Amino acid sequence: MIEVFRVENLIEVYIKQKYTKESHVELSHSVLSYLKKQGFMNKKHQ
């Protein structure tokens, strides 16, 4: 299994299957949307 997924250990297999690029992109969009709604994206740099 480790050779098939080109990883060094089994935890990497688990992580690669659970946390895909698509899930990271979706989470990033959710966090940015939440920050915008809370007004954090409207602050001017000082």
Protein backbone atom coordinates (compact mmCIF):
# COMPACT_ATOMS: atom_id res chain seq x y z
CA MET A 1 0.00 0.00 0.00
CA ILE A 2 2.81 2.41 0.85
CA GLU A 3 4.40 1.82 -2.56
CA VAL A 4 1.11 2.33 -4.39
CA PHE A 5 0.55 5.77 -2.85
CA ARG A 6 4.25 6.74 -2.98
CA VAL A 7 4.45 7.65 0.68
CA GLU A 8 6.84 6.77 3.48
CA ASN A 9 4.36 5.57 6.10
CA LEU A 10 0.73 4.64 6.64
CA ILE A 11 -0.26 7.94 8.24
CA GLU A 12 0.56 9.66 4.94
CA VAL A 13 -1.85 7.30 3.16
CA TYR A 14 -4.60 8.28 5.62
CA ILE A 15 -3.86 12.00 5.31
CA LYS A 16 -3.71 11.98 1.52
CA GLN A 17 -7.04 10.18 1.33
CA LYS A 18 -8.79 12.33 3.94
CA TYR A 19 -7.38 15.74 3.08
CA THR A 20 -7.52 16.18 -0.68
CA LYS A 21 -6.69 19.32 -2.63
CA GLU A 22 -10.42 19.84 -3.17
CA SER A 23 -11.13 19.69 0.56
CA HIS A 24 -8.38 22.25 1.23
CA VAL A 25 -9.77 24.60 -1.42
CA GLU A 26 -13.30 24.24 -0.04
CA LEU A 27 -12.12 24.91 3.51
CA SER A 28 -10.14 27.96 2.37
CA HIS A 29 -13.20 29.40 0.63
CA SER A 30 -15.31 28.82 3.74
CA VAL A 31 -12.78 30.51 6.02
CA LEU A 32 -12.36 33.50 3.69
CA SER A 33 -16.13 33.87 3.36
CA TYR A 34 -16.52 33.80 7.15
CA LEU A 35 -13.75 36.38 7.60
CA LYS A 36 -15.38 38.68 5.03
CA LYS A 37 -18.77 38.38 6.76
CA GLN A 38 -17.14 39.25 10.09
CA GLY A 39 -15.49 42.34 8.57
CA PHE A 40 -11.90 41.18 8.90
CA MET A 41 -11.23 41.68 5.20
CA ASN A 42 -12.30 45.34 5.31
CA LYS A 43 -9.47 46.59 7.52
CA LYS A 44 -6.96 49.01 6.03
CA HIS A 45 -3.27 48.34 6.55
CA GLN A 46 -1.71 50.78 8.96
